[in-house]
Structure formats: structure tokens, C-alpha cells
Amino acid sequence: MAPMAPSGKKQLLERLRKEALPLAFGAPHPSVCVVEQDGVFRLRQLVVDPQESEAAGRQALAAGENWMPEHHFALARPTGKVFLEAPTRDALAKKIEAYDWPGDW
């Protein structure tokens, strides 16, 4: 995942209404996503397991391939902090609208 600019709240709300989940976003690399887990919709932190990343990096370099930050961040999973949670997409959208949006999202 190449570095990207923050998507902003408005763009995420548009994506939430139109696209399949999960929806990853954040800048310069995705750090947050919207997922459906355990029957609820969550705005959740993406986390990279450092041991998994280190092993994958070693394996790529041993095979003569590149290992860049984009590869590291591609390993991120929605296992971190839950910022918002709601029973439906619409309810999550309402919570997102009211949320104090960080500048790097």
C-alpha cells in the first residue's frame, strides 16, 4: 500500500455507504478500518504484528525481493483499539459524523 493522503470523514462516509467492508484508511499508511466483526460494525485500529513483519521481511530479502514500508503495512489487521461500534452501518455512520476526526485519518 503506497503512502496516501488522509481521506477525511466525508470521503469515508461516502465509501461506507457504497463499498464492501473492510474499508482501510489513514495517512501516510492505513492505520484504521471499518469492519464487521462479531455481528457489529466497528471503526478499529489496524495493527501489524512486528514478529510477522520481521519474518516476512527476512523471507522477501532472502528471496532477492524488496521489502518496503508498504509491505509491512499490508500485514495490518483490525485487532487494535475499537474507536466506535454500532449494530448497523447507518448507526456507525451517525457515530462517525459526530466523532472528533483525527487529521491523519
PDB file of N, CA and C in Angstrom:
ATOM      1  N   MET A   1       0.843  -1.174   0.000  1.00  0.00           N
ATOM      2  CA  MET A   1       0.000   0.000   0.000  1.00  0.00           C
ATOM      3  C   MET A   1       0.885   1.232   0.000  1.00  0.00           C
ATOM      4  N   ALA A   2       0.807   1.968  -1.056  1.00  0.00           N
ATOM      5  CA  ALA A   2       1.614   3.170  -1.177  1.00  0.00           C
ATOM      6  C   ALA A   2       1.118   4.235  -0.202  1.00  0.00           C
ATOM      7  N   PRO A   3       2.013   5.143   0.200  1.00  0.00           N
ATOM      8  CA  PRO A   3       1.580   6.220   1.084  1.00  0.00           C
ATOM      9  C   PRO A   3       0.412   6.992   0.458  1.00  0.00           C
ATOM     10  N   MET A   4      -0.483   7.458   1.310  1.00  0.00           N
ATOM     11  CA  MET A   4      -1.657   8.177   0.813  1.00  0.00           C
ATOM     12  C   MET A   4      -1.998   9.342   1.731  1.00  0.00           C
ATOM     13  N   ALA A   5      -2.749  10.258   1.182  1.00  0.00           N
ATOM     14  CA  ALA A   5      -3.205  11.417   1.952  1.00  0.00           C
ATOM     15  C   ALA A   5      -4.378  10.997   2.831  1.00  0.00           C
ATOM     16  N   PRO A   6      -4.634  11.747   3.897  1.00  0.00           N
ATOM     17  CA  PRO A   6      -5.817  11.443   4.716  1.00  0.00           C
ATOM     18  C   PRO A   6      -7.085  11.489   3.870  1.00  0.00           C
ATOM     19  N   SER A   7      -7.996  10.577   4.107  1.00  0.00           N
ATOM     20  CA  SER A   7      -9.225  10.544   3.310  1.00  0.00           C
ATOM     21  C   SER A   7     -10.275  11.496   3.852  1.00  0.00           C
ATOM     22  N   GLY A   8     -10.273  11.712   5.145  1.00  0.00           N
ATOM     23  CA  GLY A   8     -11.261  12.602   5.745  1.00  0.00           C
ATOM     24  C   GLY A   8     -12.570  11.903   6.030  1.00  0.00           C
ATOM     25  N   LYS A   9     -13.325  12.512   6.898  1.00  0.00           N
ATOM     26  CA  LYS A   9     -14.599  11.949   7.351  1.00  0.00           C
ATOM     27  C   LYS A   9     -15.611  11.850   6.219  1.00  0.00           C
ATOM     28  N   LYS A  10     -15.717  12.901   5.409  1.00  0.00           N
ATOM     29  CA  LYS A  10     -16.723  12.919   4.336  1.00  0.00           C
ATOM     30  C   LYS A  10     -16.494  11.782   3.344  1.00  0.00           C
ATOM     31  N   GLN A  11     -15.248  11.591   2.944  1.00  0.00           N
ATOM     32  CA  GLN A  11     -14.946  10.527   1.987  1.00  0.00           C
ATOM     33  C   GLN A  11     -15.216   9.153   2.591  1.00  0.00           C
ATOM     34  N   LEU A  12     -14.870   8.956   3.854  1.00  0.00           N
ATOM     35  CA  LEU A  12     -15.141   7.664   4.481  1.00  0.00           C
ATOM     36  C   LEU A  12     -16.641   7.394   4.536  1.00  0.00           C
ATOM     37  N   LEU A  13     -17.420   8.394   4.881  1.00  0.00           N
ATOM     38  CA  LEU A  13     -18.872   8.190   4.938  1.00  0.00           C
ATOM     39  C   LEU A  13     -19.426   7.812   3.567  1.00  0.00           C
ATOM     40  N   GLU A  14     -18.915   8.418   2.496  1.00  0.00           N
ATOM     41  CA  GLU A  14     -19.336   8.049   1.138  1.00  0.00           C
ATOM     42  C   GLU A  14     -18.956   6.605   0.837  1.00  0.00           C
ATOM     43  N   ARG A  15     -17.736   6.219   1.197  1.00  0.00           N
ATOM     44  CA  ARG A  15     -17.281   4.844   0.965  1.00  0.00           C
ATOM     45  C   ARG A  15     -18.105   3.860   1.789  1.00  0.00           C
ATOM     46  N   LEU A  16     -18.427   4.213   3.010  1.00  0.00           N
ATOM     47  CA  LEU A  16     -19.195   3.340   3.892  1.00  0.00           C
ATOM     48  C   LEU A  16     -20.569   3.024   3.299  1.00  0.00           C
ATOM     49  N   ARG A  17     -21.143   3.971   2.600  1.00  0.00           N
ATOM     50  CA  ARG A  17     -22.471   3.774   2.009  1.00  0.00           C
ATOM     51  C   ARG A  17     -22.422   2.960   0.715  1.00  0.00           C
ATOM     52  N   LYS A  18     -21.250   2.901   0.049  1.00  0.00           N
ATOM     53  CA  LYS A  18     -21.176   2.297  -1.286  1.00  0.00           C
ATOM     54  C   LYS A  18     -20.312   1.043  -1.386  1.00  0.00           C
ATOM     55  N   GLU A  19     -19.285   0.910  -0.565  1.00  0.00           N
ATOM     56  CA  GLU A  19     -18.287  -0.127  -0.775  1.00  0.00           C
ATOM     57  C   GLU A  19     -18.425  -1.279   0.211  1.00  0.00           C
ATOM     58  N   ALA A  20     -17.847  -2.398  -0.183  1.00  0.00           N
ATOM     59  CA  ALA A  20     -17.800  -3.567   0.690  1.00  0.00           C
ATOM     60  C   ALA A  20     -16.769  -3.339   1.791  1.00  0.00           C
ATOM     61  N   LEU A  21     -16.957  -4.018   2.886  1.00  0.00           N
ATOM     62  CA  LEU A  21     -16.020  -3.943   4.002  1.00  0.00           C
ATOM     63  C   LEU A  21     -14.966  -5.039   3.851  1.00  0.00           C
ATOM     64  N   PRO A  22     -13.803  -4.846   4.407  1.00  0.00           N
ATOM     65  CA  PRO A  22     -13.340  -3.749   5.247  1.00  0.00           C
ATOM     66  C   PRO A  22     -12.919  -2.539   4.424  1.00  0.00           C
ATOM     67  N   LEU A  23     -12.946  -1.370   5.056  1.00  0.00           N
ATOM     68  CA  LEU A  23     -12.505  -0.114   4.460  1.00  0.00           C
ATOM     69  C   LEU A  23     -11.326   0.407   5.269  1.00  0.00           C
ATOM     70  N   ALA A  24     -10.155   0.337   4.690  1.00  0.00           N
ATOM     71  CA  ALA A  24      -8.950   0.800   5.382  1.00  0.00           C
ATOM     72  C   ALA A  24      -8.633   2.230   4.970  1.00  0.00           C
ATOM     73  N   PHE A  25      -8.122   3.015   5.922  1.00  0.00           N
ATOM     74  CA  PHE A  25      -7.754   4.400   5.632  1.00  0.00           C
ATOM     75  C   PHE A  25      -6.763   4.880   6.668  1.00  0.00           C
ATOM     76  N   GLY A  26      -6.252   6.079   6.471  1.00  0.00           N
ATOM     77  CA  GLY A  26      -5.252   6.656   7.348  1.00  0.00           C
ATOM     78  C   GLY A  26      -4.076   7.150   6.524  1.00  0.00           C
ATOM     79  N   ALA A  27      -3.263   7.994   7.088  1.00  0.00           N
ATOM     80  CA  ALA A  27      -2.136   8.552   6.353  1.00  0.00           C
ATOM     81  C   ALA A  27      -0.909   8.586   7.245  1.00  0.00           C
ATOM     82  N   PRO A  28       0.256   8.344   6.699  1.00  0.00           N
ATOM     83  CA  PRO A  28       0.534   8.074   5.287  1.00  0.00           C
ATOM     84  C   PRO A  28       0.246   6.633   4.882  1.00  0.00           C
ATOM     85  N   HIS A  29       0.010   5.741   5.832  1.00  0.00           N
ATOM     86  CA  HIS A  29      -0.360   4.359   5.547  1.00  0.00           C
ATOM     87  C   HIS A  29      -1.620   4.027   6.318  1.00  0.00           C
ATOM     88  N   PRO A  30      -2.448   3.115   5.797  1.00  0.00           N
ATOM     89  CA  PRO A  30      -3.667   2.751   6.510  1.00  0.00           C
ATOM     90  C   PRO A  30      -3.375   2.334   7.952  1.00  0.00           C
ATOM     91  N   SER A  31      -4.116   2.925   8.872  1.00  0.00           N
ATOM     92  CA  SER A  31      -3.928   2.634  10.287  1.00  0.00           C
ATOM     93  C   SER A  31      -5.252   2.357  10.990  1.00  0.00           C
ATOM     94  N   VAL A  32      -6.349   2.525  10.265  1.00  0.00           N
ATOM     95  CA  VAL A  32      -7.689   2.365  10.822  1.00  0.00           C
ATOM     96  C   VAL A  32      -8.557   1.717   9.748  1.00  0.00           C
ATOM     97  N   CYS A  33      -9.584   1.007  10.165  1.00  0.00           N
ATOM     98  CA  CYS A  33     -10.506   0.450   9.175  1.00  0.00           C
ATOM     99  C   CYS A  33     -11.901   0.323   9.763  1.00  0.00           C
ATOM    100  N   VAL A  34     -12.855   0.176   8.854  1.00  0.00           N
ATOM    101  CA  VAL A  34     -14.223  -0.151   9.231  1.00  0.00           C
ATOM    102  C   VAL A  34     -14.399  -1.620   8.894  1.00  0.00           C
ATOM    103  N   VAL A  35     -14.836  -2.393   9.864  1.00  0.00           N
ATOM    104  CA  VAL A  35     -15.046  -3.828   9.684  1.00  0.00           C
ATOM    105  C   VAL A  35     -16.367  -4.241  10.315  1.00  0.00           C
ATOM    106  N   GLU A  36     -16.837  -5.400   9.898  1.00  0.00           N
ATOM    107  CA  GLU A  36     -17.952  -6.036  10.592  1.00  0.00           C
ATOM    108  C   GLU A  36     -17.353  -7.231  11.324  1.00  0.00           C
ATOM    109  N   GLN A  37     -17.437  -7.214  12.644  1.00  0.00           N
ATOM    110  CA  GLN A  37     -16.898  -8.272  13.481  1.00  0.00           C
ATOM    111  C   GLN A  37     -17.905  -8.615  14.574  1.00  0.00           C
ATOM    112  N   ASP A  38     -18.063  -9.868  14.815  1.00  0.00           N
ATOM    113  CA  ASP A  38     -18.935 -10.325  15.902  1.00  0.00           C
ATOM    114  C   ASP A  38     -20.346  -9.741  15.809  1.00  0.00           C
ATOM    115  N   GLY A  39     -20.819  -9.549  14.580  1.00  0.00           N
ATOM    116  CA  GLY A  39     -22.175  -9.056  14.369  1.00  0.00           C
ATOM    117  C   GLY A  39     -22.373  -7.570  14.554  1.00  0.00           C
ATOM    118  N   VAL A  40     -21.279  -6.804  14.720  1.00  0.00           N
ATOM    119  CA  VAL A  40     -21.383  -5.348  14.842  1.00  0.00           C
ATOM    120  C   VAL A  40     -20.390  -4.685  13.880  1.00  0.00           C
ATOM    121  N   PHE A  41     -20.632  -3.423  13.608  1.00  0.00           N
ATOM    122  CA  PHE A  41     -19.760  -2.642  12.732  1.00  0.00           C
ATOM    123  C   PHE A  41     -18.833  -1.810  13.609  1.00  0.00           C
ATOM    124  N   ARG A  42     -17.545  -1.850  13.277  1.00  0.00           N
ATOM    125  CA  ARG A  42     -16.552  -1.182  14.114  1.00  0.00           C
ATOM    126  C   ARG A  42     -15.621  -0.307  13.291  1.00  0.00           C
ATOM    127  N   LEU A  43     -15.247   0.791  13.888  1.00  0.00           N
ATOM    128  CA  LEU A  43     -14.143   1.619  13.427  1.00  0.00           C
ATOM    129  C   LEU A  43     -12.988   1.218  14.327  1.00  0.00           C
ATOM    130  N   ARG A  44     -11.970   0.575  13.744  1.00  0.00           N
ATOM    131  CA  ARG A  44     -10.969  -0.098  14.565  1.00  0.00           C
ATOM    132  C   ARG A  44      -9.543   0.146  14.064  1.00  0.00           C
ATOM    133  N   GLN A  45      -8.623   0.183  14.995  1.00  0.00           N
ATOM    134  CA  GLN A  45      -7.208   0.372  14.691  1.00  0.00           C
ATOM    135  C   GLN A  45      -6.643  -0.861  13.985  1.00  0.00           C
ATOM    136  N   LEU A  46      -5.833  -0.616  12.947  1.00  0.00           N
ATOM    137  CA  LEU A  46      -5.097  -1.685  12.280  1.00  0.00           C
ATOM    138  C   LEU A  46      -3.758  -1.863  12.983  1.00  0.00           C
ATOM    139  N   VAL A  47      -3.378  -3.102  13.227  1.00  0.00           N
ATOM    140  CA  VAL A  47      -2.147  -3.404  13.948  1.00  0.00           C
ATOM    141  C   VAL A  47      -1.325  -4.409  13.143  1.00  0.00           C
ATOM    142  N   VAL A  48      -0.027  -4.163  13.065  1.00  0.00           N
ATOM    143  CA  VAL A  48       0.892  -5.085  12.415  1.00  0.00           C
ATOM    144  C   VAL A  48       1.650  -5.839  13.505  1.00  0.00           C
ATOM    145  N   ASP A  49       1.646  -7.147  13.415  1.00  0.00           N
ATOM    146  CA  ASP A  49       2.426  -7.971  14.339  1.00  0.00           C
ATOM    147  C   ASP A  49       3.894  -7.815  13.949  1.00  0.00           C
ATOM    148  N   PRO A  50       4.720  -7.244  14.829  1.00  0.00           N
ATOM    149  CA  PRO A  50       6.113  -6.988  14.466  1.00  0.00           C
ATOM    150  C   PRO A  50       6.898  -8.257  14.147  1.00  0.00           C
ATOM    151  N   GLN A  51       6.586  -9.342  14.806  1.00  0.00           N
ATOM    152  CA  GLN A  51       7.287 -10.599  14.517  1.00  0.00           C
ATOM    153  C   GLN A  51       6.917 -11.132  13.136  1.00  0.00           C
ATOM    154  N   GLU A  52       5.651 -11.030  12.783  1.00  0.00           N
ATOM    155  CA  GLU A  52       5.212 -11.455  11.454  1.00  0.00           C
ATOM    156  C   GLU A  52       5.873 -10.605  10.378  1.00  0.00           C
ATOM    157  N   SER A  53       5.928  -9.301  10.604  1.00  0.00           N
ATOM    158  CA  SER A  53       6.542  -8.397   9.642  1.00  0.00           C
ATOM    159  C   SER A  53       8.035  -8.682   9.482  1.00  0.00           C
ATOM    160  N   GLU A  54       8.717  -8.890  10.599  1.00  0.00           N
ATOM    161  CA  GLU A  54      10.145  -9.174  10.551  1.00  0.00           C
ATOM    162  C   GLU A  54      10.418 -10.471   9.792  1.00  0.00           C
ATOM    163  N   ALA A  55       9.636 -11.490  10.049  1.00  0.00           N
ATOM    164  CA  ALA A  55       9.811 -12.773   9.364  1.00  0.00           C
ATOM    165  C   ALA A  55       9.528 -12.642   7.869  1.00  0.00           C
ATOM    166  N   ALA A  56       8.470 -11.924   7.519  1.00  0.00           N
ATOM    167  CA  ALA A  56       8.132 -11.738   6.106  1.00  0.00           C
ATOM    168  C   ALA A  56       9.217 -10.927   5.402  1.00  0.00           C
ATOM    169  N   GLY A  57       9.759  -9.925   6.083  1.00  0.00           N
ATOM    170  CA  GLY A  57      10.831  -9.126   5.512  1.00  0.00           C
ATOM    171  C   GLY A  57      12.077  -9.951   5.269  1.00  0.00           C
ATOM    172  N   ARG A  58      12.451 -10.757   6.234  1.00  0.00           N
ATOM    173  CA  ARG A  58      13.621 -11.632   6.072  1.00  0.00           C
ATOM    174  C   ARG A  58      13.418 -12.592   4.903  1.00  0.00           C
ATOM    175  N   GLN A  59      12.228 -13.154   4.804  1.00  0.00           N
ATOM    176  CA  GLN A  59      11.924 -14.107   3.736  1.00  0.00           C
ATOM    177  C   GLN A  59      11.996 -13.415   2.367  1.00  0.00           C
ATOM    178  N   ALA A  60      11.444 -12.225   2.257  1.00  0.00           N
ATOM    179  CA  ALA A  60      11.476 -11.495   0.986  1.00  0.00           C
ATOM    180  C   ALA A  60      12.907 -11.169   0.583  1.00  0.00           C
ATOM    181  N   LEU A  61      13.692 -10.662   1.517  1.00  0.00           N
ATOM    182  CA  LEU A  61      15.081 -10.303   1.209  1.00  0.00           C
ATOM    183  C   LEU A  61      15.904 -11.540   0.855  1.00  0.00           C
ATOM    184  N   ALA A  62      15.673 -12.647   1.539  1.00  0.00           N
ATOM    185  CA  ALA A  62      16.392 -13.889   1.232  1.00  0.00           C
ATOM    186  C   ALA A  62      16.058 -14.395  -0.167  1.00  0.00           C
ATOM    187  N   ALA A  63      14.848 -14.091  -0.629  1.00  0.00           N
ATOM    188  CA  ALA A  63      14.430 -14.498  -1.975  1.00  0.00           C
ATOM    189  C   ALA A  63      14.839 -13.478  -3.033  1.00  0.00           C
ATOM    190  N   GLY A  64      15.562 -12.433  -2.611  1.00  0.00           N
ATOM    191  CA  GLY A  64      16.014 -11.414  -3.552  1.00  0.00           C
ATOM    192  C   GLY A  64      14.944 -10.391  -3.914  1.00  0.00           C
ATOM    193  N   GLU A  65      13.907 -10.320  -3.109  1.00  0.00           N
ATOM    194  CA  GLU A  65      12.812  -9.375  -3.353  1.00  0.00           C
ATOM    195  C   GLU A  65      12.972  -8.145  -2.465  1.00  0.00           C
ATOM    196  N   ASN A  66      12.233  -7.112  -2.787  1.00  0.00           N
ATOM    197  CA  ASN A  66      12.236  -5.895  -1.980  1.00  0.00           C
ATOM    198  C   ASN A  66      11.369  -6.080  -0.737  1.00  0.00           C
ATOM    199  N   TRP A  67      11.669  -5.291   0.287  1.00  0.00           N
ATOM    200  CA  TRP A  67      10.812  -5.205   1.476  1.00  0.00           C
ATOM    201  C   TRP A  67      10.739  -3.742   1.845  1.00  0.00           C
ATOM    202  N   MET A  68       9.571  -3.154   1.621  1.00  0.00           N
ATOM    203  CA  MET A  68       9.376  -1.721   1.833  1.00  0.00           C
ATOM    204  C   MET A  68       8.314  -1.497   2.902  1.00  0.00           C
ATOM    205  N   PRO A  69       8.190  -0.279   3.395  1.00  0.00           N
ATOM    206  CA  PRO A  69       7.144   0.000   4.388  1.00  0.00           C
ATOM    207  C   PRO A  69       5.751  -0.429   3.926  1.00  0.00           C
ATOM    208  N   GLU A  70       5.490  -0.321   2.643  1.00  0.00           N
ATOM    209  CA  GLU A  70       4.186  -0.721   2.118  1.00  0.00           C
ATOM    210  C   GLU A  70       3.905  -2.198   2.385  1.00  0.00           C
ATOM    211  N   HIS A  71       4.943  -3.026   2.307  1.00  0.00           N
ATOM    212  CA  HIS A  71       4.780  -4.450   2.586  1.00  0.00           C
ATOM    213  C   HIS A  71       4.452  -4.668   4.067  1.00  0.00           C
ATOM    214  N   HIS A  72       5.140  -3.937   4.915  1.00  0.00           N
ATOM    215  CA  HIS A  72       4.886  -4.019   6.352  1.00  0.00           C
ATOM    216  C   HIS A  72       3.426  -3.661   6.660  1.00  0.00           C
ATOM    217  N   PHE A  73       2.968  -2.527   6.149  1.00  0.00           N
ATOM    218  CA  PHE A  73       1.612  -2.066   6.462  1.00  0.00           C
ATOM    219  C   PHE A  73       0.534  -2.930   5.823  1.00  0.00           C
ATOM    220  N   ALA A  74       0.874  -3.645   4.756  1.00  0.00           N
ATOM    221  CA  ALA A  74      -0.096  -4.550   4.128  1.00  0.00           C
ATOM    222  C   ALA A  74      -0.442  -5.723   5.049  1.00  0.00           C
ATOM    223  N   LEU A  75       0.382  -5.973   6.049  1.00  0.00           N
ATOM    224  CA  LEU A  75       0.132  -7.053   7.003  1.00  0.00           C
ATOM    225  C   LEU A  75      -0.804  -6.645   8.151  1.00  0.00           C
ATOM    226  N   ALA A  76      -1.232  -5.406   8.157  1.00  0.00           N
ATOM    227  CA  ALA A  76      -2.069  -4.895   9.255  1.00  0.00           C
ATOM    228  C   ALA A  76      -3.408  -5.620   9.327  1.00  0.00           C
ATOM    229  N   ARG A  77      -3.850  -5.835  10.557  1.00  0.00           N
ATOM    230  CA  ARG A  77      -5.130  -6.495  10.807  1.00  0.00           C
ATOM    231  C   ARG A  77      -5.941  -5.675  11.817  1.00  0.00           C
ATOM    232  N   PRO A  78      -7.271  -5.743  11.710  1.00  0.00           N
ATOM    233  CA  PRO A  78      -8.128  -4.976  12.630  1.00  0.00           C
ATOM    234  C   PRO A  78      -8.228  -5.637  13.996  1.00  0.00           C
ATOM    235  N   THR A  79      -7.147  -5.515  14.761  1.00  0.00           N
ATOM    236  CA  THR A  79      -7.091  -6.154  16.075  1.00  0.00           C
ATOM    237  C   THR A  79      -6.808  -5.163  17.199  1.00  0.00           C
ATOM    238  N   GLY A  80      -6.646  -3.892  16.844  1.00  0.00           N
ATOM    239  CA  GLY A  80      -6.319  -2.889  17.846  1.00  0.00           C
ATOM    240  C   GLY A  80      -7.545  -2.264  18.480  1.00  0.00           C
ATOM    241  N   LYS A  81      -7.349  -1.087  18.980  1.00  0.00           N
ATOM    242  CA  LYS A  81      -8.383  -0.338  19.706  1.00  0.00           C
ATOM    243  C   LYS A  81      -9.654  -0.177  18.861  1.00  0.00           C
ATOM    244  N   VAL A  82     -10.789  -0.342  19.513  1.00  0.00           N
ATOM    245  CA  VAL A  82     -12.088  -0.075  18.882  1.00  0.00           C
ATOM    246  C   VAL A  82     -12.440   1.374  19.207  1.00  0.00           C
ATOM    247  N   PHE A  83     -12.517   2.212  18.172  1.00  0.00           N
ATOM    248  CA  PHE A  83     -12.839   3.625  18.368  1.00  0.00           C
ATOM    249  C   PHE A  83     -14.347   3.846  18.436  1.00  0.00           C
ATOM    250  N   LEU A  84     -15.086   3.172  17.563  1.00  0.00           N
ATOM    251  CA  LEU A  84     -16.545   3.280  17.529  1.00  0.00           C
ATOM    252  C   LEU A  84     -17.122   1.913  17.211  1.00  0.00           C
ATOM    253  N   GLU A  85     -18.360   1.699  17.652  1.00  0.00           N
ATOM    254  CA  GLU A  85     -19.028   0.424  17.410  1.00  0.00           C
ATOM    255  C   GLU A  85     -20.525   0.681  17.328  1.00  0.00           C
ATOM    256  N   ALA A  86     -21.195  -0.021  16.403  1.00  0.00           N
ATOM    257  CA  ALA A  86     -22.637   0.161  16.243  1.00  0.00           C
ATOM    258  C   ALA A  86     -23.242  -1.105  15.633  1.00  0.00           C
ATOM    259  N   PRO A  87     -24.543  -1.309  15.834  1.00  0.00           N
ATOM    260  CA  PRO A  87     -25.183  -2.526  15.329  1.00  0.00           C
ATOM    261  C   PRO A  87     -25.417  -2.534  13.816  1.00  0.00           C
ATOM    262  N   THR A  88     -25.433  -1.355  13.171  1.00  0.00           N
ATOM    263  CA  THR A  88     -25.677  -1.269  11.727  1.00  0.00           C
ATOM    264  C   THR A  88     -24.713  -0.273  11.091  1.00  0.00           C
ATOM    265  N   ARG A  89     -24.599  -0.346   9.777  1.00  0.00           N
ATOM    266  CA  ARG A  89     -23.772   0.634   9.060  1.00  0.00           C
ATOM    267  C   ARG A  89     -24.299   2.053   9.272  1.00  0.00           C
ATOM    268  N   ASP A  90     -25.610   2.206   9.184  1.00  0.00           N
ATOM    269  CA  ASP A  90     -26.201   3.535   9.358  1.00  0.00           C
ATOM    270  C   ASP A  90     -25.917   4.093  10.743  1.00  0.00           C
ATOM    271  N   ALA A  91     -26.038   3.259  11.749  1.00  0.00           N
ATOM    272  CA  ALA A  91     -25.756   3.716  13.120  1.00  0.00           C
ATOM    273  C   ALA A  91     -24.277   4.073  13.266  1.00  0.00           C
ATOM    274  N   LEU A  92     -23.396   3.304  12.628  1.00  0.00           N
ATOM    275  CA  LEU A  92     -21.972   3.636  12.677  1.00  0.00           C
ATOM    276  C   LEU A  92     -21.713   4.948  11.943  1.00  0.00           C
ATOM    277  N   ALA A  93     -22.377   5.159  10.809  1.00  0.00           N
ATOM    278  CA  ALA A  93     -22.210   6.414  10.066  1.00  0.00           C
ATOM    279  C   ALA A  93     -22.593   7.610  10.936  1.00  0.00           C
ATOM    280  N   LYS A  94     -23.661   7.496  11.700  1.00  0.00           N
ATOM    281  CA  LYS A  94     -24.075   8.588  12.585  1.00  0.00           C
ATOM    282  C   LYS A  94     -23.025   8.849  13.664  1.00  0.00           C
ATOM    283  N   LYS A  95     -22.443   7.787  14.195  1.00  0.00           N
ATOM    284  CA  LYS A  95     -21.389   7.962  15.197  1.00  0.00           C
ATOM    285  C   LYS A  95     -20.142   8.587  14.578  1.00  0.00           C
ATOM    286  N   ILE A  96     -19.824   8.187  13.355  1.00  0.00           N
ATOM    287  CA  ILE A  96     -18.667   8.767  12.658  1.00  0.00           C
ATOM    288  C   ILE A  96     -18.891  10.253  12.432  1.00  0.00           C
ATOM    289  N   GLU A  97     -20.098  10.640  12.033  1.00  0.00           N
ATOM    290  CA  GLU A  97     -20.407  12.057  11.795  1.00  0.00           C
ATOM    291  C   GLU A  97     -20.151  12.892  13.040  1.00  0.00           C
ATOM    292  N   ALA A  98     -20.415  12.347  14.209  1.00  0.00           N
ATOM    293  CA  ALA A  98     -20.249  13.088  15.469  1.00  0.00           C
ATOM    294  C   ALA A  98     -18.843  12.966  16.056  1.00  0.00           C
ATOM    295  N   TYR A  99     -18.027  12.095  15.505  1.00  0.00           N
ATOM    296  CA  TYR A  99     -16.707  11.790  16.069  1.00  0.00           C
ATOM    297  C   TYR A  99     -15.712  12.913  15.783  1.00  0.00           C
ATOM    298  N   ASP A 100     -14.878  13.212  16.756  1.00  0.00           N
ATOM    299  CA  ASP A 100     -13.804  14.201  16.588  1.00  0.00           C
ATOM    300  C   ASP A 100     -12.719  13.555  15.731  1.00  0.00           C
ATOM    301  N   TRP A 101     -12.680  13.888  14.461  1.00  0.00           N
ATOM    302  CA  TRP A 101     -11.880  13.210  13.457  1.00  0.00           C
ATOM    303  C   TRP A 101     -10.410  13.611  13.507  1.00  0.00           C
ATOM    304  N   PRO A 102      -9.495  12.647  13.705  1.00  0.00           N
ATOM    305  CA  PRO A 102      -8.065  12.962  13.696  1.00  0.00           C
ATOM    306  C   PRO A 102      -7.588  13.405  12.312  1.00  0.00           C
ATOM    307  N   GLY A 103      -6.632  14.291  12.268  1.00  0.00           N
ATOM    308  CA  GLY A 103      -6.143  14.834  10.997  1.00  0.00           C
ATOM    309  C   GLY A 103      -5.444  13.831  10.105  1.00  0.00           C
ATOM    310  N   ASP A 104      -4.926  12.733  10.673  1.00  0.00           N
ATOM    311  CA  ASP A 104      -4.223  11.761   9.843  1.00  0.00           C
ATOM    312  C   ASP A 104      -5.118  10.618   9.381  1.00  0.00           C
ATOM    313  N   TRP A 105      -6.436  10.774   9.520  1.00  0.00           N
ATOM    314  CA  TRP A 105      -7.377   9.789   9.020  1.00  0.00           C
ATOM    315  C   TRP A 105      -7.997  10.297   7.750  1.00  0.00           C
TER     316      TRP A 105
END
